[in-house]
Amino acid sequence: MDERLCSKVGCAREAVATLTYDYHDQMAALGPLAWERHPHAHDLCALHTERLSMPAGWLVIRHEALRA
């Protein structure tokens, strides 16, 4: 997997997580960096992952990598 940068405008940090949305269900899923880029997903750096906020009423599901 080649290095990917954060999708936030003006951010040049390395991406560590991938964010996807379901607008109809007002839900967002944040998980480990996806293996491949996807046009409907947003890659985020650690800073923007921590600062993530969604509109009022939205559900955010945070998937964490399994640890051995």
N, C-alpha and C. Protein backbone atom coordinates (compact mmCIF):
# COMPACT_ATOMS: atom_id res chain seq x y z
N MET A 1 0.85 -1.17 0.00
CA MET A 1 0.00 0.00 0.00
C MET A 1 0.90 1.23 0.00
N ASP A 2 0.66 2.14 -0.96
CA ASP A 2 1.47 3.35 -1.01
C ASP A 2 0.94 4.37 -0.01
N GLU A 3 1.79 5.33 0.34
CA GLU A 3 1.44 6.34 1.33
C GLU A 3 0.29 7.21 0.81
N ARG A 4 -0.68 7.46 1.68
CA ARG A 4 -1.80 8.32 1.33
C ARG A 4 -1.88 9.46 2.32
N LEU A 5 -2.29 10.61 1.83
CA LEU A 5 -2.38 11.80 2.67
C LEU A 5 -3.81 12.04 3.12
N CYS A 6 -3.95 12.81 4.17
CA CYS A 6 -5.24 13.20 4.72
C CYS A 6 -6.05 13.94 3.65
N SER A 7 -7.35 13.68 3.62
CA SER A 7 -8.24 14.30 2.64
C SER A 7 -8.62 15.74 2.98
N LYS A 8 -8.35 16.17 4.21
CA LYS A 8 -8.70 17.53 4.61
C LYS A 8 -7.87 18.54 3.81
N VAL A 9 -8.54 19.56 3.33
CA VAL A 9 -7.87 20.60 2.53
C VAL A 9 -6.75 21.23 3.34
N GLY A 10 -5.57 21.30 2.73
CA GLY A 10 -4.42 21.94 3.37
C GLY A 10 -3.64 21.05 4.32
N CYS A 11 -4.07 19.83 4.54
CA CYS A 11 -3.36 18.93 5.46
C CYS A 11 -2.44 18.02 4.65
N ALA A 12 -1.20 17.93 5.08
CA ALA A 12 -0.22 17.10 4.37
C ALA A 12 0.23 15.92 5.22
N ARG A 13 -0.53 15.61 6.28
CA ARG A 13 -0.16 14.49 7.14
C ARG A 13 -0.57 13.16 6.50
N GLU A 14 0.11 12.09 6.92
CA GLU A 14 -0.20 10.75 6.42
C GLU A 14 -1.54 10.28 6.97
N ALA A 15 -2.36 9.69 6.11
CA ALA A 15 -3.67 9.18 6.52
C ALA A 15 -3.51 7.90 7.33
N VAL A 16 -4.36 7.76 8.37
CA VAL A 16 -4.33 6.56 9.23
C VAL A 16 -5.71 5.93 9.36
N ALA A 17 -6.75 6.61 8.88
CA ALA A 17 -8.12 6.11 9.02
C ALA A 17 -8.93 6.47 7.78
N THR A 18 -10.02 5.73 7.57
CA THR A 18 -10.93 6.01 6.46
C THR A 18 -12.33 6.26 7.01
N LEU A 19 -12.95 7.32 6.51
CA LEU A 19 -14.28 7.73 6.92
C LEU A 19 -15.25 7.56 5.76
N THR A 20 -16.39 6.92 6.04
CA THR A 20 -17.45 6.79 5.03
C THR A 20 -18.75 7.29 5.64
N TYR A 21 -19.67 7.72 4.77
CA TYR A 21 -20.95 8.27 5.20
C TYR A 21 -22.11 7.51 4.61
N ASP A 22 -23.23 7.51 5.34
CA ASP A 22 -24.52 7.06 4.81
C ASP A 22 -25.48 8.21 5.11
N TYR A 23 -25.66 9.09 4.14
CA TYR A 23 -26.47 10.28 4.35
C TYR A 23 -27.92 9.94 4.69
N HIS A 24 -28.48 8.93 4.03
CA HIS A 24 -29.88 8.56 4.26
C HIS A 24 -30.12 8.18 5.71
N ASP A 25 -29.22 7.39 6.29
CA ASP A 25 -29.36 6.95 7.68
C ASP A 25 -28.67 7.86 8.68
N GLN A 26 -28.10 8.96 8.21
CA GLN A 26 -27.36 9.91 9.06
C GLN A 26 -26.35 9.19 9.94
N MET A 27 -25.47 8.43 9.28
CA MET A 27 -24.49 7.62 9.99
C MET A 27 -23.13 7.76 9.30
N ALA A 28 -22.07 7.74 10.09
CA ALA A 28 -20.71 7.76 9.57
C ALA A 28 -19.94 6.62 10.21
N ALA A 29 -19.04 6.02 9.44
CA ALA A 29 -18.19 4.94 9.96
C ALA A 29 -16.74 5.35 9.80
N LEU A 30 -16.00 5.24 10.88
CA LEU A 30 -14.57 5.58 10.89
C LEU A 30 -13.80 4.34 11.28
N GLY A 31 -12.88 3.92 10.44
CA GLY A 31 -12.12 2.71 10.73
C GLY A 31 -10.69 2.83 10.27
N PRO A 32 -9.94 1.75 10.40
CA PRO A 32 -8.55 1.74 9.95
C PRO A 32 -8.48 2.11 8.46
N LEU A 33 -7.35 2.58 8.04
CA LEU A 33 -7.15 3.00 6.66
C LEU A 33 -7.49 1.85 5.71
N ALA A 34 -8.38 2.11 4.77
CA ALA A 34 -8.78 1.10 3.79
C ALA A 34 -7.59 0.72 2.92
N TRP A 35 -7.60 -0.50 2.41
CA TRP A 35 -6.49 -0.97 1.59
C TRP A 35 -6.35 -0.18 0.30
N GLU A 36 -7.47 0.27 -0.24
CA GLU A 36 -7.45 1.00 -1.51
C GLU A 36 -8.24 2.29 -1.37
N ARG A 37 -7.87 3.27 -2.18
CA ARG A 37 -8.63 4.52 -2.20
C ARG A 37 -10.01 4.25 -2.79
N HIS A 38 -10.99 4.99 -2.31
CA HIS A 38 -12.35 4.87 -2.84
C HIS A 38 -12.88 6.29 -3.03
N PRO A 39 -13.53 6.56 -4.16
CA PRO A 39 -13.98 7.93 -4.43
C PRO A 39 -15.04 8.46 -3.45
N HIS A 40 -15.72 7.57 -2.73
CA HIS A 40 -16.75 8.01 -1.79
C HIS A 40 -16.31 7.88 -0.34
N ALA A 41 -15.02 7.75 -0.11
CA ALA A 41 -14.48 7.65 1.24
C ALA A 41 -13.45 8.76 1.44
N HIS A 42 -13.21 9.10 2.69
CA HIS A 42 -12.27 10.17 3.02
C HIS A 42 -11.19 9.60 3.94
N ASP A 43 -9.94 9.72 3.54
CA ASP A 43 -8.83 9.28 4.38
C ASP A 43 -8.44 10.43 5.31
N LEU A 44 -8.24 10.12 6.58
CA LEU A 44 -7.92 11.14 7.57
C LEU A 44 -6.65 10.81 8.33
N CYS A 45 -5.92 11.86 8.72
CA CYS A 45 -4.73 11.69 9.56
C CYS A 45 -5.18 11.50 11.02
N ALA A 46 -4.26 11.22 11.89
CA ALA A 46 -4.58 10.98 13.31
C ALA A 46 -5.22 12.22 13.94
N LEU A 47 -4.71 13.40 13.64
CA LEU A 47 -5.24 14.64 14.21
C LEU A 47 -6.71 14.85 13.81
N HIS A 48 -7.00 14.71 12.53
CA HIS A 48 -8.38 14.92 12.08
C HIS A 48 -9.31 13.77 12.48
N THR A 49 -8.76 12.60 12.70
CA THR A 49 -9.55 11.49 13.22
C THR A 49 -10.02 11.81 14.64
N GLU A 50 -9.13 12.35 15.46
CA GLU A 50 -9.47 12.71 16.84
C GLU A 50 -10.44 13.87 16.90
N ARG A 51 -10.32 14.81 15.97
CA ARG A 51 -11.17 16.01 15.97
C ARG A 51 -12.49 15.82 15.22
N LEU A 52 -12.77 14.64 14.75
CA LEU A 52 -13.95 14.39 13.94
C LEU A 52 -15.23 14.80 14.68
N SER A 53 -16.06 15.56 14.00
CA SER A 53 -17.37 15.90 14.53
C SER A 53 -18.39 15.76 13.41
N MET A 54 -19.60 15.41 13.78
CA MET A 54 -20.67 15.19 12.80
C MET A 54 -21.84 16.08 13.17
N PRO A 55 -22.77 16.29 12.23
CA PRO A 55 -23.96 17.09 12.54
C PRO A 55 -24.76 16.47 13.68
N ALA A 56 -25.50 17.30 14.40
CA ALA A 56 -26.35 16.82 15.49
C ALA A 56 -27.31 15.76 14.97
N GLY A 57 -27.44 14.68 15.73
CA GLY A 57 -28.34 13.61 15.36
C GLY A 57 -27.70 12.48 14.57
N TRP A 58 -26.46 12.68 14.12
CA TRP A 58 -25.77 11.64 13.36
C TRP A 58 -25.14 10.64 14.32
N LEU A 59 -25.10 9.39 13.90
CA LEU A 59 -24.45 8.32 14.64
C LEU A 59 -23.06 8.10 14.03
N VAL A 60 -22.03 8.03 14.87
CA VAL A 60 -20.67 7.75 14.41
C VAL A 60 -20.25 6.40 14.96
N ILE A 61 -19.89 5.50 14.06
CA ILE A 61 -19.39 4.19 14.45
C ILE A 61 -17.89 4.19 14.25
N ARG A 62 -17.15 3.94 15.32
CA ARG A 62 -15.69 3.92 15.25
C ARG A 62 -15.22 2.47 15.36
N HIS A 63 -14.64 1.99 14.26
CA HIS A 63 -14.10 0.63 14.23
C HIS A 63 -12.62 0.73 14.57
N GLU A 64 -12.17 -0.05 15.52
CA GLU A 64 -10.76 -0.07 15.87
C GLU A 64 -10.14 -1.37 15.40
N ALA A 65 -8.88 -1.29 15.02
CA ALA A 65 -8.17 -2.50 14.57
C ALA A 65 -8.06 -3.47 15.74
N LEU A 66 -8.18 -4.74 15.45
CA LEU A 66 -8.02 -5.76 16.47
C LEU A 66 -6.58 -5.80 16.95
N ARG A 67 -6.40 -5.91 18.22
CA ARG A 67 -5.04 -5.97 18.78
C ARG A 67 -4.77 -7.37 19.27
N ALA A 68 -3.56 -7.86 18.99
CA ALA A 68 -3.19 -9.21 19.41
C ALA A 68 -2.68 -9.22 20.83
